[in-house]
Amino acid sequence: MKKGETGRRGEEIALAWLSDRGFRLLDRNWRSGHKELDLVMERADRVHVVEVKTLTPPLQIRPSEKVDAAKQARMVSAARHYIAAQHVEKEVQFDVVSVVLDGARSEVEYIPEAFFPIWKRN
């Protein structure tokens, strides 16, 4: 499976997993310039900005470990644009869904509040 196909399949699995647990999709692959938000979901009183990372075995690291400080900063930047463009008034949290694809099997790990952004004033 090619890298792009792996990522798309992981996003589909993550979206289904979250939807089954009461999350509602607001946007998928939302772009602001060259920055992208994989999934923007809503549940109860929060908007969840969700980064989906998908890998296949053999694993050297967990997929979630690929969401490093630089990736977090890009997510926060894109989220700022999303919040302004969509007039989001709810609390926003940053989550990660880690998907491991092993043939027809998949393993999902949901990490709520995976990191807390430092919001800088403009």
Protein backbone atom coordinates (compact mmCIF):
# COMPACT_ATOMS: atom_id res chain seq x y z
CA MET A 1 0.00 0.00 0.00
CA LYS A 2 1.35 3.43 -0.95
CA LYS A 3 1.89 6.16 1.68
CA GLY A 4 -1.06 8.28 0.47
CA GLU A 5 -3.36 5.26 0.45
CA THR A 6 -2.24 4.31 3.95
CA GLY A 7 -3.00 7.81 5.22
CA ARG A 8 -6.42 7.94 3.57
CA ARG A 9 -7.35 4.52 4.93
CA GLY A 10 -6.20 5.56 8.40
CA GLU A 11 -8.32 8.72 8.22
CA GLU A 12 -11.37 6.67 7.18
CA ILE A 13 -10.84 4.31 10.12
CA ALA A 14 -10.30 7.20 12.55
CA LEU A 15 -13.40 9.01 11.30
CA ALA A 16 -15.55 5.88 11.68
CA TRP A 17 -14.11 5.20 15.14
CA LEU A 18 -14.81 8.75 16.34
CA SER A 19 -18.27 8.84 14.73
CA ASP A 20 -19.18 5.60 16.50
CA ARG A 21 -18.37 7.35 19.78
CA GLY A 22 -20.59 10.36 19.24
CA PHE A 23 -18.29 12.77 17.43
CA ARG A 24 -19.77 14.74 14.54
CA LEU A 25 -17.63 15.65 11.53
CA LEU A 26 -17.36 19.37 10.87
CA ASP A 27 -14.54 19.32 8.31
CA ARG A 28 -12.07 16.92 6.77
CA ASN A 29 -8.70 17.85 5.28
CA TRP A 30 -9.40 21.55 5.88
CA ARG A 31 -6.62 23.66 4.41
CA SER A 32 -5.18 27.05 5.19
CA GLY A 33 -2.39 27.69 2.73
CA HIS A 34 -0.02 24.75 3.02
CA LYS A 35 -1.29 23.75 6.48
CA GLU A 36 -3.99 21.12 6.89
CA LEU A 37 -6.27 19.84 9.63
CA ASP A 38 -7.05 16.14 9.13
CA LEU A 39 -10.37 16.04 10.98
CA VAL A 40 -12.35 18.71 12.77
CA MET A 41 -14.96 17.04 14.94
CA GLU A 42 -17.52 18.23 17.44
CA ARG A 43 -18.84 16.54 20.54
CA ALA A 44 -20.87 18.16 23.29
CA ASP A 45 -19.39 21.56 24.06
CA ARG A 46 -16.04 21.20 22.28
CA VAL A 47 -14.49 21.28 18.87
CA HIS A 48 -11.78 18.64 18.45
CA VAL A 49 -8.93 19.25 16.05
CA VAL A 50 -7.75 15.72 15.30
CA GLU A 51 -4.45 14.71 13.76
CA VAL A 52 -4.49 11.19 12.34
CA LYS A 53 -1.21 9.31 12.03
CA THR A 54 -1.14 5.91 10.36
CA LEU A 55 1.70 3.41 10.10
CA THR A 56 2.11 -0.22 9.08
CA PRO A 57 4.33 -2.83 10.78
CA PRO A 58 7.11 -3.26 11.51
CA LEU A 59 6.94 -0.22 13.79
CA GLN A 60 9.94 1.66 15.09
CA ILE A 61 7.68 4.16 16.91
CA ARG A 62 3.98 4.56 17.63
CA PRO A 63 2.21 6.69 15.00
CA SER A 64 1.30 9.31 17.61
CA GLU A 65 5.00 9.95 18.26
CA LYS A 66 5.18 11.55 14.81
CA VAL A 67 3.16 14.50 16.14
CA ASP A 68 6.21 16.42 17.29
CA ALA A 69 6.52 20.07 18.37
CA ALA A 70 6.82 21.30 14.78
CA LYS A 71 3.66 19.43 13.73
CA GLN A 72 1.84 20.73 16.79
CA ALA A 73 2.80 24.31 15.89
CA ARG A 74 1.48 23.83 12.33
CA MET A 75 -1.77 22.39 13.71
CA VAL A 76 -2.21 25.33 16.08
CA SER A 77 -1.55 27.80 13.27
CA ALA A 78 -4.07 26.11 10.98
CA ALA A 79 -6.58 25.88 13.84
CA ARG A 80 -6.31 29.63 14.45
CA HIS A 81 -7.30 30.20 10.83
CA TYR A 82 -10.11 27.65 11.09
CA ILE A 83 -11.48 29.22 14.27
CA ALA A 84 -11.55 32.65 12.64
CA ALA A 85 -12.96 31.47 9.31
CA GLN A 86 -15.68 29.31 10.86
CA HIS A 87 -16.44 31.67 13.78
CA VAL A 88 -15.85 28.91 16.33
CA GLU A 89 -16.98 29.95 19.79
CA LYS A 90 -16.65 26.60 21.55
CA GLU A 91 -13.60 25.42 23.41
CA VAL A 92 -11.06 23.77 21.09
CA GLN A 93 -8.94 20.78 22.01
CA PHE A 94 -6.20 18.99 20.10
CA ASP A 95 -6.43 15.21 19.85
CA VAL A 96 -4.43 12.53 18.05
CA VAL A 97 -5.70 9.28 16.61
CA SER A 98 -3.01 6.71 16.02
CA VAL A 99 -3.84 3.95 13.54
CA VAL A 100 -1.74 0.85 12.92
CA LEU A 101 -2.73 -1.06 9.78
CA ASP A 102 -1.71 -4.70 9.63
CA GLY A 103 -3.31 -6.24 6.56
CA ALA A 104 -7.06 -6.26 7.07
CA ARG A 105 -6.66 -5.55 10.80
CA SER A 106 -6.41 -2.10 12.33
CA GLU A 107 -5.56 -0.90 15.81
CA VAL A 108 -6.84 2.52 16.90
CA GLU A 109 -5.50 4.55 19.80
CA TYR A 110 -7.30 7.81 20.68
CA ILE A 111 -5.32 10.39 22.61
CA PRO A 112 -7.62 13.17 23.82
CA GLU A 113 -5.94 16.46 24.66
CA ALA A 114 -2.71 15.14 23.18
CA PHE A 115 -1.16 18.55 23.65
CA PHE A 116 -2.10 21.99 24.90
CA PRO A 117 -1.29 24.85 22.55
CA ILE A 118 0.30 28.09 23.54
CA TRP A 119 -1.97 30.66 21.93
CA LYS A 120 -0.02 33.73 20.86
CA ARG A 121 -1.72 37.03 20.32
CA ASN A 122 -1.54 38.56 16.87
